[in-house]
Amino acid sequence: MADVFDMIIAGDIPAYKVYEDDDVLAFLDLSQVTPGHTLMVPKTHVADIFEYDEELAARVLSKLPKIARAIKASDDKIIGLNILSNNGESAGQSVFHSHFHLIPRYADDTFDVPMPDHSETTTEDDYRALADRIASHMED
């Protein structure tokens, strides 16, 4: 069954497009967390980052800097940019078609991405064990 992003890609639902090529479509998010908030979606349906192969990742993710630069250049009040991607329901993903939020930052915006700091309770052994566990699962 097609999701809302598949329908936007197919042209069945209108969108405020800012960029399109054979691999991706970028369009304004209707929520506009901050002015210029843009979504970039791959035209190939993958549910989340875990479904990308190396080739698709290269084709899709390489477009992020181009779109980010265009957003920043569109308004001289933009002083930064968050790029966010929620992967899985527990991470807040609500549309199960991979997508990236490009959210411009302005000096006076109030949007915040909470990032708790657990450094005071994480030991050297914890860091080492976690790094080793992740590294042991790296694909060649």
C-alpha atoms as a PDB file:
ATOM      1  CA  MET A   1       0.000   0.000   0.000  1.00  0.00           C
ATOM      2  CA  ALA A   2       1.313   3.428  -0.927  1.00  0.00           C
ATOM      3  CA  ASP A   3       2.088   5.911   1.825  1.00  0.00           C
ATOM      4  CA  VAL A   4       1.676   9.666   1.666  1.00  0.00           C
ATOM      5  CA  PHE A   5       5.240  10.164   0.358  1.00  0.00           C
ATOM      6  CA  ASP A   6       4.709   7.589  -2.412  1.00  0.00           C
ATOM      7  CA  MET A   7       1.568   9.518  -3.396  1.00  0.00           C
ATOM      8  CA  ILE A   8       3.450  12.841  -3.395  1.00  0.00           C
ATOM      9  CA  ILE A   9       6.242  11.294  -5.513  1.00  0.00           C
ATOM     10  CA  ALA A  10       3.623   9.939  -7.958  1.00  0.00           C
ATOM     11  CA  GLY A  11       1.990  13.376  -8.191  1.00  0.00           C
ATOM     12  CA  ASP A  12      -1.277  12.146  -6.669  1.00  0.00           C
ATOM     13  CA  ILE A  13      -0.953  14.620  -3.785  1.00  0.00           C
ATOM     14  CA  PRO A  14       0.361  18.142  -4.393  1.00  0.00           C
ATOM     15  CA  ALA A  15       3.498  19.359  -2.654  1.00  0.00           C
ATOM     16  CA  TYR A  16       5.574  22.529  -2.531  1.00  0.00           C
ATOM     17  CA  LYS A  17       8.585  21.053  -4.319  1.00  0.00           C
ATOM     18  CA  VAL A  18      12.018  22.583  -3.869  1.00  0.00           C
ATOM     19  CA  TYR A  19      14.142  19.912  -5.616  1.00  0.00           C
ATOM     20  CA  GLU A  20      13.635  16.761  -7.657  1.00  0.00           C
ATOM     21  CA  ASP A  21      15.853  14.372  -9.562  1.00  0.00           C
ATOM     22  CA  ASP A  22      15.782  10.653 -10.403  1.00  0.00           C
ATOM     23  CA  ASP A  23      16.603   9.658  -6.814  1.00  0.00           C
ATOM     24  CA  VAL A  24      14.962  12.131  -4.430  1.00  0.00           C
ATOM     25  CA  LEU A  25      12.176  14.613  -3.989  1.00  0.00           C
ATOM     26  CA  ALA A  26      12.449  17.523  -1.563  1.00  0.00           C
ATOM     27  CA  PHE A  27       9.409  19.554  -0.585  1.00  0.00           C
ATOM     28  CA  LEU A  28       8.224  21.821   2.199  1.00  0.00           C
ATOM     29  CA  ASP A  29       6.928  20.073   5.317  1.00  0.00           C
ATOM     30  CA  LEU A  30       3.426  21.356   5.992  1.00  0.00           C
ATOM     31  CA  SER A  31       4.235  21.670   9.723  1.00  0.00           C
ATOM     32  CA  GLN A  32       6.952  24.313   9.053  1.00  0.00           C
ATOM     33  CA  VAL A  33       8.670  23.867  12.444  1.00  0.00           C
ATOM     34  CA  THR A  34      10.671  26.881  11.270  1.00  0.00           C
ATOM     35  CA  PRO A  35      10.256  28.702   7.934  1.00  0.00           C
ATOM     36  CA  GLY A  36      11.864  26.624   5.185  1.00  0.00           C
ATOM     37  CA  HIS A  37      11.436  23.248   6.946  1.00  0.00           C
ATOM     38  CA  THR A  38      11.926  20.802   4.082  1.00  0.00           C
ATOM     39  CA  LEU A  39      11.561  17.030   3.742  1.00  0.00           C
ATOM     40  CA  MET A  40      13.826  15.002   1.477  1.00  0.00           C
ATOM     41  CA  VAL A  41      12.527  11.554   0.541  1.00  0.00           C
ATOM     42  CA  PRO A  42      14.038   8.837  -1.647  1.00  0.00           C
ATOM     43  CA  LYS A  43      11.916   7.928  -4.638  1.00  0.00           C
ATOM     44  CA  THR A  44      12.796   4.289  -4.006  1.00  0.00           C
ATOM     45  CA  HIS A  45      10.559   3.148  -1.177  1.00  0.00           C
ATOM     46  CA  VAL A  46      12.594   2.151   1.854  1.00  0.00           C
ATOM     47  CA  ALA A  47      10.960   2.244   5.274  1.00  0.00           C
ATOM     48  CA  ASP A  48      13.936   3.590   7.182  1.00  0.00           C
ATOM     49  CA  ILE A  49      17.727   3.946   7.227  1.00  0.00           C
ATOM     50  CA  PHE A  50      18.120   0.250   8.004  1.00  0.00           C
ATOM     51  CA  GLU A  51      16.757  -0.706   4.557  1.00  0.00           C
ATOM     52  CA  TYR A  52      19.266   1.310   2.500  1.00  0.00           C
ATOM     53  CA  ASP A  53      21.956  -0.536   0.605  1.00  0.00           C
ATOM     54  CA  GLU A  54      25.257   1.219  -0.078  1.00  0.00           C
ATOM     55  CA  GLU A  55      24.318   2.310  -3.606  1.00  0.00           C
ATOM     56  CA  LEU A  56      20.959   3.807  -2.623  1.00  0.00           C
ATOM     57  CA  ALA A  57      22.518   5.534   0.377  1.00  0.00           C
ATOM     58  CA  ALA A  58      25.178   7.119  -1.848  1.00  0.00           C
ATOM     59  CA  ARG A  59      22.595   8.338  -4.371  1.00  0.00           C
ATOM     60  CA  VAL A  60      20.162   9.694  -1.782  1.00  0.00           C
ATOM     61  CA  LEU A  61      22.301  10.985   1.071  1.00  0.00           C
ATOM     62  CA  SER A  62      24.682  12.798  -1.269  1.00  0.00           C
ATOM     63  CA  LYS A  63      21.804  15.204  -2.074  1.00  0.00           C
ATOM     64  CA  LEU A  64      21.512  16.489   1.508  1.00  0.00           C
ATOM     65  CA  PRO A  65      24.312  19.110   1.256  1.00  0.00           C
ATOM     66  CA  LYS A  66      22.910  20.524  -2.014  1.00  0.00           C
ATOM     67  CA  ILE A  67      19.430  20.936  -0.553  1.00  0.00           C
ATOM     68  CA  ALA A  68      20.818  22.279   2.744  1.00  0.00           C
ATOM     69  CA  ARG A  69      22.870  24.915   0.914  1.00  0.00           C
ATOM     70  CA  ALA A  70      19.816  26.010  -1.087  1.00  0.00           C
ATOM     71  CA  ILE A  71      17.738  26.357   2.073  1.00  0.00           C
ATOM     72  CA  LYS A  72      20.464  28.390   3.814  1.00  0.00           C
ATOM     73  CA  ALA A  73      20.933  30.621   0.756  1.00  0.00           C
ATOM     74  CA  SER A  74      17.184  31.290   0.590  1.00  0.00           C
ATOM     75  CA  ASP A  75      17.190  33.512   3.680  1.00  0.00           C
ATOM     76  CA  ASP A  76      20.097  35.472   5.133  1.00  0.00           C
ATOM     77  CA  LYS A  77      18.484  35.122   8.579  1.00  0.00           C
ATOM     78  CA  ILE A  78      19.192  31.373   8.600  1.00  0.00           C
ATOM     79  CA  ILE A  79      22.172  30.763  10.909  1.00  0.00           C
ATOM     80  CA  GLY A  80      22.141  26.957  11.066  1.00  0.00           C
ATOM     81  CA  LEU A  81      20.259  23.826  10.083  1.00  0.00           C
ATOM     82  CA  ASN A  82      19.175  20.601  11.799  1.00  0.00           C
ATOM     83  CA  ILE A  83      19.001  17.446   9.704  1.00  0.00           C
ATOM     84  CA  LEU A  84      16.836  14.873  11.465  1.00  0.00           C
ATOM     85  CA  SER A  85      15.639  11.409  10.549  1.00  0.00           C
ATOM     86  CA  ASN A  86      13.453   9.319  12.833  1.00  0.00           C
ATOM     87  CA  ASN A  87      13.925   5.607  12.178  1.00  0.00           C
ATOM     88  CA  GLY A  88      11.373   3.272  13.702  1.00  0.00           C
ATOM     89  CA  GLU A  89       8.230   3.926  15.678  1.00  0.00           C
ATOM     90  CA  SER A  90      10.151   4.137  18.962  1.00  0.00           C
ATOM     91  CA  ALA A  91      12.264   6.948  17.450  1.00  0.00           C
ATOM     92  CA  GLY A  92       9.172   8.957  16.536  1.00  0.00           C
ATOM     93  CA  GLN A  93       8.826   7.884  12.904  1.00  0.00           C
ATOM     94  CA  SER A  94       5.208   8.351  11.832  1.00  0.00           C
ATOM     95  CA  VAL A  95       5.468   7.818   8.048  1.00  0.00           C
ATOM     96  CA  PHE A  96       7.262   4.579   7.279  1.00  0.00           C
ATOM     97  CA  HIS A  97       9.000   5.836   4.164  1.00  0.00           C
ATOM     98  CA  SER A  98      12.512   7.055   4.893  1.00  0.00           C
ATOM     99  CA  HIS A  99      12.758  10.832   5.037  1.00  0.00           C
ATOM    100  CA  PHE A 100      15.009  13.566   6.285  1.00  0.00           C
ATOM    101  CA  HIS A 101      13.864  16.792   7.900  1.00  0.00           C
ATOM    102  CA  LEU A 102      15.994  19.839   7.037  1.00  0.00           C
ATOM    103  CA  ILE A 103      15.018  22.439   9.611  1.00  0.00           C
ATOM    104  CA  PRO A 104      16.515  25.926   9.251  1.00  0.00           C
ATOM    105  CA  ARG A 105      17.608  27.644  12.462  1.00  0.00           C
ATOM    106  CA  TYR A 106      17.135  31.328  13.116  1.00  0.00           C
ATOM    107  CA  ALA A 107      18.518  33.469  15.942  1.00  0.00           C
ATOM    108  CA  ASP A 108      15.058  33.903  17.435  1.00  0.00           C
ATOM    109  CA  ASP A 109      13.525  30.437  16.943  1.00  0.00           C
ATOM    110  CA  THR A 110      12.409  28.409  19.925  1.00  0.00           C
ATOM    111  CA  PHE A 111      12.611  24.916  18.425  1.00  0.00           C
ATOM    112  CA  ASP A 112      14.824  22.613  20.479  1.00  0.00           C
ATOM    113  CA  VAL A 113      16.114  19.087  19.941  1.00  0.00           C
ATOM    114  CA  PRO A 114      16.465  17.542  23.411  1.00  0.00           C
ATOM    115  CA  MET A 115      19.813  15.796  23.838  1.00  0.00           C
ATOM    116  CA  PRO A 116      20.238  14.399  27.342  1.00  0.00           C
ATOM    117  CA  ASP A 117      23.814  14.160  28.636  1.00  0.00           C
ATOM    118  CA  HIS A 118      24.682  10.887  30.378  1.00  0.00           C
ATOM    119  CA  SER A 119      28.436  11.447  30.409  1.00  0.00           C
ATOM    120  CA  GLU A 120      28.600  11.697  34.203  1.00  0.00           C
ATOM    121  CA  THR A 121      27.119   8.205  34.630  1.00  0.00           C
ATOM    122  CA  THR A 122      28.925   6.472  31.755  1.00  0.00           C
ATOM    123  CA  THR A 123      32.216   4.874  32.713  1.00  0.00           C
ATOM    124  CA  GLU A 124      35.317   4.279  30.613  1.00  0.00           C
ATOM    125  CA  ASP A 125      34.434   0.567  30.603  1.00  0.00           C
ATOM    126  CA  ASP A 126      30.897   1.390  29.414  1.00  0.00           C
ATOM    127  CA  TYR A 127      32.251   3.453  26.499  1.00  0.00           C
ATOM    128  CA  ARG A 128      34.772   0.775  25.545  1.00  0.00           C
ATOM    129  CA  ALA A 129      32.211  -2.070  25.678  1.00  0.00           C
ATOM    130  CA  LEU A 130      29.658  -0.094  23.679  1.00  0.00           C
ATOM    131  CA  ALA A 131      32.192   0.943  21.018  1.00  0.00           C
ATOM    132  CA  ASP A 132      33.462  -2.622  20.716  1.00  0.00           C
ATOM    133  CA  ARG A 133      29.937  -4.051  20.443  1.00  0.00           C
ATOM    134  CA  ILE A 134      29.000  -1.610  17.656  1.00  0.00           C
ATOM    135  CA  ALA A 135      32.319  -2.053  15.831  1.00  0.00           C
ATOM    136  CA  SER A 136      31.918  -5.841  15.871  1.00  0.00           C
ATOM    137  CA  HIS A 137      28.751  -5.491  13.783  1.00  0.00           C
ATOM    138  CA  MET A 138      30.194  -3.228  11.063  1.00  0.00           C
ATOM    139  CA  GLU A 139      29.651  -4.578   7.578  1.00  0.00           C
ATOM    140  CA  ASP A 140      32.542  -4.652   5.133  1.00  0.00           C
END
